[in-house]
């Protein structure tokens, strides 16, 4: 994964974890795999 993609994953992860004080159970590795799957389909 490129550094730019990694930064994007980090940013999304941080935003989702702190989203409106709701509890979101999310693992960074799972998010990373999901984003990669989206990028591969294009």
PDB file of N, CA and C in Angstrom:
ATOM      1  N   UNK A   1       0.849  -1.174   0.000  1.00  0.00           N
ATOM      2  CA  UNK A   1       0.000   0.000   0.000  1.00  0.00           C
ATOM      3  C   UNK A   1       0.890   1.230   0.000  1.00  0.00           C
ATOM      4  N   UNK A   2       0.506   2.194  -0.787  1.00  0.00           N
ATOM      5  CA  UNK A   2       1.305   3.409  -0.881  1.00  0.00           C
ATOM      6  C   UNK A   2       1.146   4.261   0.375  1.00  0.00           C
ATOM      7  N   UNK A   3       2.115   5.110   0.659  1.00  0.00           N
ATOM      8  CA  UNK A   3       2.030   5.975   1.847  1.00  0.00           C
ATOM      9  C   UNK A   3       0.798   6.875   1.833  1.00  0.00           C
ATOM     10  N   UNK A   4       0.423   7.324   0.644  1.00  0.00           N
ATOM     11  CA  UNK A   4      -0.761   8.176   0.533  1.00  0.00           C
ATOM     12  C   UNK A   4      -2.028   7.402   0.918  1.00  0.00           C
ATOM     13  N   UNK A   5      -2.123   6.172   0.473  1.00  0.00           N
ATOM     14  CA  UNK A   5      -3.264   5.322   0.823  1.00  0.00           C
ATOM     15  C   UNK A   5      -3.284   5.038   2.317  1.00  0.00           C
ATOM     16  N   UNK A   6      -2.123   4.801   2.867  1.00  0.00           N
ATOM     17  CA  UNK A   6      -2.016   4.531   4.302  1.00  0.00           C
ATOM     18  C   UNK A   6      -2.484   5.740   5.113  1.00  0.00           C
ATOM     19  N   UNK A   7      -2.126   6.932   4.680  1.00  0.00           N
ATOM     20  CA  UNK A   7      -2.574   8.148   5.364  1.00  0.00           C
ATOM     21  C   UNK A   7      -4.086   8.290   5.282  1.00  0.00           C
ATOM     22  N   UNK A   8      -4.655   7.943   4.141  1.00  0.00           N
ATOM     23  CA  UNK A   8      -6.092   8.006   3.967  1.00  0.00           C
ATOM     24  C   UNK A   8      -6.792   7.038   4.917  1.00  0.00           C
ATOM     25  N   UNK A   9      -6.291   5.829   5.027  1.00  0.00           N
ATOM     26  CA  UNK A   9      -6.853   4.840   5.943  1.00  0.00           C
ATOM     27  C   UNK A   9      -6.772   5.355   7.381  1.00  0.00           C
ATOM     28  N   UNK A  10      -5.636   5.916   7.756  1.00  0.00           N
ATOM     29  CA  UNK A  10      -5.480   6.465   9.107  1.00  0.00           C
ATOM     30  C   UNK A  10      -6.489   7.569   9.392  1.00  0.00           C
ATOM     31  N   UNK A  11      -6.663   8.453   8.439  1.00  0.00           N
ATOM     32  CA  UNK A  11      -7.597   9.558   8.601  1.00  0.00           C
ATOM     33  C   UNK A  11      -9.030   9.055   8.759  1.00  0.00           C
ATOM     34  N   UNK A  12      -9.436   8.141   7.898  1.00  0.00           N
ATOM     35  CA  UNK A  12     -10.790   7.585   7.977  1.00  0.00           C
ATOM     36  C   UNK A  12     -10.984   6.852   9.297  1.00  0.00           C
ATOM     37  N   UNK A  13      -9.992   6.086   9.695  1.00  0.00           N
ATOM     38  CA  UNK A  13     -10.063   5.339  10.946  1.00  0.00           C
ATOM     39  C   UNK A  13     -10.268   6.280  12.133  1.00  0.00           C
ATOM     40  N   UNK A  14      -9.489   7.341  12.205  1.00  0.00           N
ATOM     41  CA  UNK A  14      -9.601   8.295  13.311  1.00  0.00           C
ATOM     42  C   UNK A  14     -10.959   8.980  13.325  1.00  0.00           C
ATOM     43  N   UNK A  15     -11.464   9.340  12.154  1.00  0.00           N
ATOM     44  CA  UNK A  15     -12.775   9.997  12.064  1.00  0.00           C
ATOM     45  C   UNK A  15     -13.894   9.057  12.496  1.00  0.00           C
ATOM     46  N   UNK A  16     -13.830   7.814  12.068  1.00  0.00           N
ATOM     47  CA  UNK A  16     -14.884   6.867  12.423  1.00  0.00           C
ATOM     48  C   UNK A  16     -14.880   6.531  13.907  1.00  0.00           C
ATOM     49  N   UNK A  17     -13.717   6.407  14.488  1.00  0.00           N
ATOM     50  CA  UNK A  17     -13.616   6.061  15.905  1.00  0.00           C
ATOM     51  C   UNK A  17     -14.183   7.170  16.783  1.00  0.00           C
ATOM     52  N   UNK A  18     -14.021   8.409  16.382  1.00  0.00           N
ATOM     53  CA  UNK A  18     -14.474   9.534  17.203  1.00  0.00           C
ATOM     54  C   UNK A  18     -15.803  10.122  16.723  1.00  0.00           C
ATOM     55  N   UNK A  19     -16.523   9.421  15.902  1.00  0.00           N
ATOM     56  CA  UNK A  19     -17.745   9.928  15.285  1.00  0.00           C
ATOM     57  C   UNK A  19     -18.874  10.110  16.298  1.00  0.00           C
ATOM     58  N   UNK A  20     -19.218  11.324  16.596  1.00  0.00           N
ATOM     59  CA  UNK A  20     -20.352  11.726  17.428  1.00  0.00           C
ATOM     60  C   UNK A  20     -20.517  10.920  18.715  1.00  0.00           C
ATOM     61  N   UNK A  21     -19.442  10.571  19.331  1.00  0.00           N
ATOM     62  CA  UNK A  21     -19.459   9.869  20.609  1.00  0.00           C
ATOM     63  C   UNK A  21     -20.222   8.543  20.578  1.00  0.00           C
ATOM     64  N   UNK A  22     -20.426   8.012  19.409  1.00  0.00           N
ATOM     65  CA  UNK A  22     -21.044   6.697  19.307  1.00  0.00           C
ATOM     66  C   UNK A  22     -19.939   5.658  19.338  1.00  0.00           C
ATOM     67  N   UNK A  23     -20.266   4.528  19.908  1.00  0.00           N
ATOM     68  CA  UNK A  23     -19.268   3.469  19.958  1.00  0.00           C
ATOM     69  C   UNK A  23     -19.257   2.731  18.625  1.00  0.00           C
ATOM     70  N   UNK A  24     -18.126   2.739  17.999  1.00  0.00           N
ATOM     71  CA  UNK A  24     -17.952   2.019  16.746  1.00  0.00           C
ATOM     72  C   UNK A  24     -16.825   1.024  16.971  1.00  0.00           C
ATOM     73  N   UNK A  25     -17.143  -0.230  16.807  1.00  0.00           N
ATOM     74  CA  UNK A  25     -16.144  -1.267  16.975  1.00  0.00           C
ATOM     75  C   UNK A  25     -15.529  -1.542  15.616  1.00  0.00           C
ATOM     76  N   UNK A  26     -14.303  -1.124  15.474  1.00  0.00           N
ATOM     77  CA  UNK A  26     -13.640  -1.208  14.182  1.00  0.00           C
ATOM     78  C   UNK A  26     -12.165  -1.487  14.390  1.00  0.00           C
ATOM     79  N   UNK A  27     -11.666  -2.413  13.625  1.00  0.00           N
ATOM     80  CA  UNK A  27     -10.237  -2.686  13.659  1.00  0.00           C
ATOM     81  C   UNK A  27      -9.607  -2.050  12.434  1.00  0.00           C
ATOM     82  N   UNK A  28      -8.460  -1.492  12.623  1.00  0.00           N
ATOM     83  CA  UNK A  28      -7.799  -0.790  11.530  1.00  0.00           C
ATOM     84  C   UNK A  28      -7.485  -1.743  10.369  1.00  0.00           C
ATOM     85  N   UNK A  29      -7.104  -2.934  10.673  1.00  0.00           N
ATOM     86  CA  UNK A  29      -6.771  -3.896   9.620  1.00  0.00           C
ATOM     87  C   UNK A  29      -8.000  -4.232   8.769  1.00  0.00           C
ATOM     88  N   UNK A  30      -9.156  -4.352   9.408  1.00  0.00           N
ATOM     89  CA  UNK A  30     -10.395  -4.625   8.686  1.00  0.00           C
ATOM     90  C   UNK A  30     -10.751  -3.462   7.770  1.00  0.00           C
ATOM     91  N   UNK A  31     -10.609  -2.257   8.271  1.00  0.00           N
ATOM     92  CA  UNK A  31     -10.863  -1.068   7.458  1.00  0.00           C
ATOM     93  C   UNK A  31      -9.904  -1.021   6.270  1.00  0.00           C
ATOM     94  N   UNK A  32      -8.674  -1.327   6.526  1.00  0.00           N
ATOM     95  CA  UNK A  32      -7.659  -1.335   5.476  1.00  0.00           C
ATOM     96  C   UNK A  32      -8.037  -2.322   4.364  1.00  0.00           C
ATOM     97  N   UNK A  33      -8.448  -3.521   4.721  1.00  0.00           N
ATOM     98  CA  UNK A  33      -8.851  -4.527   3.737  1.00  0.00           C
ATOM     99  C   UNK A  33     -10.072  -4.065   2.951  1.00  0.00           C
ATOM    100  N   UNK A  34     -11.013  -3.431   3.631  1.00  0.00           N
ATOM    101  CA  UNK A  34     -12.210  -2.945   2.966  1.00  0.00           C
ATOM    102  C   UNK A  34     -11.872  -1.877   1.927  1.00  0.00           C
ATOM    103  N   UNK A  35     -11.045  -0.938   2.293  1.00  0.00           N
ATOM    104  CA  UNK A  35     -10.661   0.140   1.370  1.00  0.00           C
ATOM    105  C   UNK A  35      -9.893  -0.422   0.188  1.00  0.00           C
ATOM    106  N   UNK A  36      -9.017  -1.362   0.442  1.00  0.00           N
ATOM    107  CA  UNK A  36      -8.284  -1.987  -0.666  1.00  0.00           C
ATOM    108  C   UNK A  36      -9.226  -2.712  -1.619  1.00  0.00           C
ATOM    109  N   UNK A  37     -10.238  -3.352  -1.072  1.00  0.00           N
ATOM    110  CA  UNK A  37     -11.197  -4.042  -1.937  1.00  0.00           C
ATOM    111  C   UNK A  37     -11.979  -3.053  -2.791  1.00  0.00           C
ATOM    112  N   UNK A  38     -12.276  -1.884  -2.257  1.00  0.00           N
ATOM    113  CA  UNK A  38     -12.958  -0.843  -3.035  1.00  0.00           C
ATOM    114  C   UNK A  38     -12.067  -0.315  -4.150  1.00  0.00           C
ATOM    115  N   UNK A  39     -10.819  -0.133  -3.864  1.00  0.00           N
ATOM    116  CA  UNK A  39      -9.893   0.398  -4.851  1.00  0.00           C
ATOM    117  C   UNK A  39      -9.619  -0.604  -5.975  1.00  0.00           C
ATOM    118  N   UNK A  40      -9.631  -1.874  -5.671  1.00  0.00           N
ATOM    119  CA  UNK A  40      -9.354  -2.896  -6.672  1.00  0.00           C
ATOM    120  C   UNK A  40     -10.477  -3.030  -7.688  1.00  0.00           C
ATOM    121  N   UNK A  41     -11.685  -2.689  -7.303  1.00  0.00           N
ATOM    122  CA  UNK A  41     -12.816  -2.866  -8.192  1.00  0.00           C
ATOM    123  C   UNK A  41     -12.886  -1.807  -9.279  1.00  0.00           C
ATOM    124  N   UNK A  42     -12.165  -0.726  -9.159  1.00  0.00           N
ATOM    125  CA  UNK A  42     -12.221   0.340 -10.157  1.00  0.00           C
ATOM    126  C   UNK A  42     -11.415   0.003 -11.376  1.00  0.00           C
TER     127      UNK A  42
END
